[in-house]
């Protein structure tokens, strides 16, 4: 398993939880031999990415960019806004590490083909997400 992280200096202290969340998700989904990239960015860059690729001119918390080749060991990339993660952690009254882990898990699940476009698919995907996060927390 190979996870490459491109991060800003403020995100460096969260490197371990990002790696652990990615690895836990790949393991949970039976995809240990896959790799992906993670970009930890700011609100400006995530907004630009969201506008360019989703035609939505506003910041978001996480974006997933699947590579598209089913047989490739490379799944694609996810981008996470550190600022959004911090705001959401504060809103939900949880640790920033847990919110970052949740966003990594969410992004990896999207790379693996999970969707949350309908209420039924969202419920299914988010249940997996929370199960993986709970398992990750138990590991600590």
C-alpha atoms as a PDB file:
ATOM      1  CA  UNK A   1       0.000   0.000   0.000  1.00  0.00           C
ATOM      2  CA  UNK A   2       1.362   3.418  -0.921  1.00  0.00           C
ATOM      3  CA  UNK A   3      -0.147   6.726   0.126  1.00  0.00           C
ATOM      4  CA  UNK A   4       1.564   9.913  -1.019  1.00  0.00           C
ATOM      5  CA  UNK A   5       0.731  13.078   0.909  1.00  0.00           C
ATOM      6  CA  UNK A   6       1.196  16.567  -0.471  1.00  0.00           C
ATOM      7  CA  UNK A   7       0.616  18.915   2.388  1.00  0.00           C
ATOM      8  CA  UNK A   8       1.073  22.420   3.572  1.00  0.00           C
ATOM      9  CA  UNK A   9       3.338  23.063   6.579  1.00  0.00           C
ATOM     10  CA  UNK A  10       0.371  23.419   8.933  1.00  0.00           C
ATOM     11  CA  UNK A  11      -0.803  19.904   8.054  1.00  0.00           C
ATOM     12  CA  UNK A  12       2.514  18.159   8.699  1.00  0.00           C
ATOM     13  CA  UNK A  13       1.570  17.282  12.295  1.00  0.00           C
ATOM     14  CA  UNK A  14      -1.459  15.313  11.010  1.00  0.00           C
ATOM     15  CA  UNK A  15       0.551  13.112   8.632  1.00  0.00           C
ATOM     16  CA  UNK A  16       0.266   9.953  10.766  1.00  0.00           C
ATOM     17  CA  UNK A  17      -3.521  10.081  11.171  1.00  0.00           C
ATOM     18  CA  UNK A  18      -3.925  10.736   7.440  1.00  0.00           C
ATOM     19  CA  UNK A  19      -1.804   7.674   6.615  1.00  0.00           C
ATOM     20  CA  UNK A  20      -3.548   5.514   9.222  1.00  0.00           C
ATOM     21  CA  UNK A  21      -7.021   6.497   7.978  1.00  0.00           C
ATOM     22  CA  UNK A  22      -6.082   5.753   4.372  1.00  0.00           C
ATOM     23  CA  UNK A  23      -4.499   2.420   5.226  1.00  0.00           C
ATOM     24  CA  UNK A  24      -7.400   1.395   7.482  1.00  0.00           C
ATOM     25  CA  UNK A  25      -9.923   2.198   4.730  1.00  0.00           C
ATOM     26  CA  UNK A  26      -8.019   0.273   2.061  1.00  0.00           C
ATOM     27  CA  UNK A  27      -7.647  -2.690   4.430  1.00  0.00           C
ATOM     28  CA  UNK A  28     -11.321  -2.598   5.448  1.00  0.00           C
ATOM     29  CA  UNK A  29     -12.341  -2.624   1.789  1.00  0.00           C
ATOM     30  CA  UNK A  30      -9.890  -5.428   0.911  1.00  0.00           C
ATOM     31  CA  UNK A  31      -7.743  -3.202  -1.310  1.00  0.00           C
ATOM     32  CA  UNK A  32      -4.365  -3.380   0.464  1.00  0.00           C
ATOM     33  CA  UNK A  33      -2.430  -3.441  -2.814  1.00  0.00           C
ATOM     34  CA  UNK A  34      -3.765  -0.081  -3.990  1.00  0.00           C
ATOM     35  CA  UNK A  35      -2.203   3.380  -3.779  1.00  0.00           C
ATOM     36  CA  UNK A  36      -3.501   6.949  -3.791  1.00  0.00           C
ATOM     37  CA  UNK A  37      -2.478  10.561  -3.373  1.00  0.00           C
ATOM     38  CA  UNK A  38      -3.680  12.960  -0.689  1.00  0.00           C
ATOM     39  CA  UNK A  39      -3.478  16.744  -0.970  1.00  0.00           C
ATOM     40  CA  UNK A  40      -3.977  18.713   2.233  1.00  0.00           C
ATOM     41  CA  UNK A  41      -4.725  22.241   1.146  1.00  0.00           C
ATOM     42  CA  UNK A  42      -6.286  25.557   2.047  1.00  0.00           C
ATOM     43  CA  UNK A  43      -9.743  26.956   1.425  1.00  0.00           C
ATOM     44  CA  UNK A  44      -8.677  28.912  -1.677  1.00  0.00           C
ATOM     45  CA  UNK A  45      -7.221  25.921  -3.513  1.00  0.00           C
ATOM     46  CA  UNK A  46     -10.068  23.555  -2.618  1.00  0.00           C
ATOM     47  CA  UNK A  47     -12.517  26.176  -3.882  1.00  0.00           C
ATOM     48  CA  UNK A  48     -10.606  26.409  -7.180  1.00  0.00           C
ATOM     49  CA  UNK A  49     -10.641  22.613  -7.538  1.00  0.00           C
ATOM     50  CA  UNK A  50     -14.342  22.452  -6.702  1.00  0.00           C
ATOM     51  CA  UNK A  51     -15.120  25.128  -9.292  1.00  0.00           C
ATOM     52  CA  UNK A  52     -12.970  23.540 -11.994  1.00  0.00           C
ATOM     53  CA  UNK A  53     -14.081  19.928 -11.552  1.00  0.00           C
ATOM     54  CA  UNK A  54     -17.569  20.176 -10.046  1.00  0.00           C
ATOM     55  CA  UNK A  55     -18.644  23.576 -11.369  1.00  0.00           C
ATOM     56  CA  UNK A  56     -19.372  24.687  -7.795  1.00  0.00           C
ATOM     57  CA  UNK A  57     -17.808  27.998  -6.795  1.00  0.00           C
ATOM     58  CA  UNK A  58     -17.478  27.439  -3.071  1.00  0.00           C
ATOM     59  CA  UNK A  59     -15.092  25.712  -0.693  1.00  0.00           C
ATOM     60  CA  UNK A  60     -15.731  22.129   0.360  1.00  0.00           C
ATOM     61  CA  UNK A  61     -14.179  19.695   2.791  1.00  0.00           C
ATOM     62  CA  UNK A  62     -13.037  16.822   0.560  1.00  0.00           C
ATOM     63  CA  UNK A  63     -12.873  16.057  -3.158  1.00  0.00           C
ATOM     64  CA  UNK A  64     -12.087  12.715  -4.785  1.00  0.00           C
ATOM     65  CA  UNK A  65     -10.541  12.301  -8.220  1.00  0.00           C
ATOM     66  CA  UNK A  66     -10.674   8.631  -9.260  1.00  0.00           C
ATOM     67  CA  UNK A  67      -7.999   7.539 -11.714  1.00  0.00           C
ATOM     68  CA  UNK A  68     -10.539   5.508 -13.643  1.00  0.00           C
ATOM     69  CA  UNK A  69      -8.560   2.422 -14.618  1.00  0.00           C
ATOM     70  CA  UNK A  70     -10.143  -0.443 -12.666  1.00  0.00           C
ATOM     71  CA  UNK A  71      -7.075  -2.709 -12.899  1.00  0.00           C
ATOM     72  CA  UNK A  72      -4.553  -0.033 -11.997  1.00  0.00           C
ATOM     73  CA  UNK A  73      -3.015  -0.188  -8.535  1.00  0.00           C
ATOM     74  CA  UNK A  74      -3.389   3.610  -8.446  1.00  0.00           C
ATOM     75  CA  UNK A  75      -6.861   4.663  -7.275  1.00  0.00           C
ATOM     76  CA  UNK A  76      -6.551   8.416  -7.756  1.00  0.00           C
ATOM     77  CA  UNK A  77      -6.261  11.477  -5.537  1.00  0.00           C
ATOM     78  CA  UNK A  78      -8.205  13.150  -2.781  1.00  0.00           C
ATOM     79  CA  UNK A  79      -7.969  16.796  -1.734  1.00  0.00           C
ATOM     80  CA  UNK A  80      -8.867  17.910   1.786  1.00  0.00           C
ATOM     81  CA  UNK A  81      -9.261  21.442   3.104  1.00  0.00           C
ATOM     82  CA  UNK A  82      -7.506  21.704   6.455  1.00  0.00           C
ATOM     83  CA  UNK A  83      -9.506  24.838   7.293  1.00  0.00           C
ATOM     84  CA  UNK A  84     -12.834  23.082   6.588  1.00  0.00           C
ATOM     85  CA  UNK A  85     -11.707  20.096   8.655  1.00  0.00           C
ATOM     86  CA  UNK A  86     -10.881  22.369  11.599  1.00  0.00           C
ATOM     87  CA  UNK A  87     -14.210  24.211  11.332  1.00  0.00           C
ATOM     88  CA  UNK A  88     -16.171  20.949  11.158  1.00  0.00           C
ATOM     89  CA  UNK A  89     -14.277  19.497  14.124  1.00  0.00           C
ATOM     90  CA  UNK A  90     -15.212  22.575  16.123  1.00  0.00           C
ATOM     91  CA  UNK A  91     -18.861  22.403  14.983  1.00  0.00           C
ATOM     92  CA  UNK A  92     -19.154  18.684  15.810  1.00  0.00           C
ATOM     93  CA  UNK A  93     -17.128  19.076  19.029  1.00  0.00           C
ATOM     94  CA  UNK A  94     -14.518  16.500  18.120  1.00  0.00           C
ATOM     95  CA  UNK A  95     -10.773  16.353  17.656  1.00  0.00           C
ATOM     96  CA  UNK A  96      -9.319  17.669  14.412  1.00  0.00           C
ATOM     97  CA  UNK A  97      -7.558  14.312  13.999  1.00  0.00           C
ATOM     98  CA  UNK A  98     -10.900  12.497  13.989  1.00  0.00           C
ATOM     99  CA  UNK A  99     -12.415  14.871  11.441  1.00  0.00           C
ATOM    100  CA  UNK A 100      -9.367  14.601   9.183  1.00  0.00           C
ATOM    101  CA  UNK A 101      -9.547  10.816   9.451  1.00  0.00           C
ATOM    102  CA  UNK A 102     -13.251  10.931   8.543  1.00  0.00           C
ATOM    103  CA  UNK A 103     -12.516  13.052   5.474  1.00  0.00           C
ATOM    104  CA  UNK A 104      -9.692  10.752   4.338  1.00  0.00           C
ATOM    105  CA  UNK A 105     -11.974   7.730   4.789  1.00  0.00           C
ATOM    106  CA  UNK A 106     -14.761   9.484   2.879  1.00  0.00           C
ATOM    107  CA  UNK A 107     -12.442  10.391   0.020  1.00  0.00           C
ATOM    108  CA  UNK A 108     -10.946   6.900  -0.242  1.00  0.00           C
ATOM    109  CA  UNK A 109     -14.415   5.346  -0.279  1.00  0.00           C
ATOM    110  CA  UNK A 110     -15.287   7.605  -3.218  1.00  0.00           C
ATOM    111  CA  UNK A 111     -12.105   6.510  -5.010  1.00  0.00           C
ATOM    112  CA  UNK A 112     -13.259   2.925  -4.503  1.00  0.00           C
ATOM    113  CA  UNK A 113     -16.601   3.674  -6.167  1.00  0.00           C
ATOM    114  CA  UNK A 114     -18.824   4.385  -3.171  1.00  0.00           C
ATOM    115  CA  UNK A 115     -21.357   7.161  -3.725  1.00  0.00           C
ATOM    116  CA  UNK A 116     -23.535   9.362  -1.552  1.00  0.00           C
ATOM    117  CA  UNK A 117     -25.760  10.924  -4.225  1.00  0.00           C
ATOM    118  CA  UNK A 118     -29.010   9.371  -3.009  1.00  0.00           C
ATOM    119  CA  UNK A 119     -30.254   9.038   0.551  1.00  0.00           C
ATOM    120  CA  UNK A 120     -29.915   5.244   0.356  1.00  0.00           C
ATOM    121  CA  UNK A 121     -26.345   5.283  -1.019  1.00  0.00           C
ATOM    122  CA  UNK A 122     -25.379   8.038   1.438  1.00  0.00           C
ATOM    123  CA  UNK A 123     -26.686   6.027   4.380  1.00  0.00           C
ATOM    124  CA  UNK A 124     -24.751   2.950   3.221  1.00  0.00           C
ATOM    125  CA  UNK A 125     -21.533   4.836   2.543  1.00  0.00           C
ATOM    126  CA  UNK A 126     -21.632   6.854   5.751  1.00  0.00           C
ATOM    127  CA  UNK A 127     -22.257   3.704   7.794  1.00  0.00           C
ATOM    128  CA  UNK A 128     -19.055   2.204   6.333  1.00  0.00           C
ATOM    129  CA  UNK A 129     -17.244   5.468   6.971  1.00  0.00           C
ATOM    130  CA  UNK A 130     -18.229   5.543  10.647  1.00  0.00           C
ATOM    131  CA  UNK A 131     -17.428   1.839  11.092  1.00  0.00           C
ATOM    132  CA  UNK A 132     -13.931   2.400   9.696  1.00  0.00           C
ATOM    133  CA  UNK A 133     -13.447   5.503  11.859  1.00  0.00           C
ATOM    134  CA  UNK A 134     -14.562   3.632  14.973  1.00  0.00           C
ATOM    135  CA  UNK A 135     -12.143   0.814  14.137  1.00  0.00           C
ATOM    136  CA  UNK A 136      -9.345   3.348  13.650  1.00  0.00           C
ATOM    137  CA  UNK A 137     -10.077   4.983  17.021  1.00  0.00           C
ATOM    138  CA  UNK A 138     -10.026   1.580  18.752  1.00  0.00           C
ATOM    139  CA  UNK A 139      -6.562   0.949  17.295  1.00  0.00           C
ATOM    140  CA  UNK A 140      -5.106   3.984  19.089  1.00  0.00           C
END
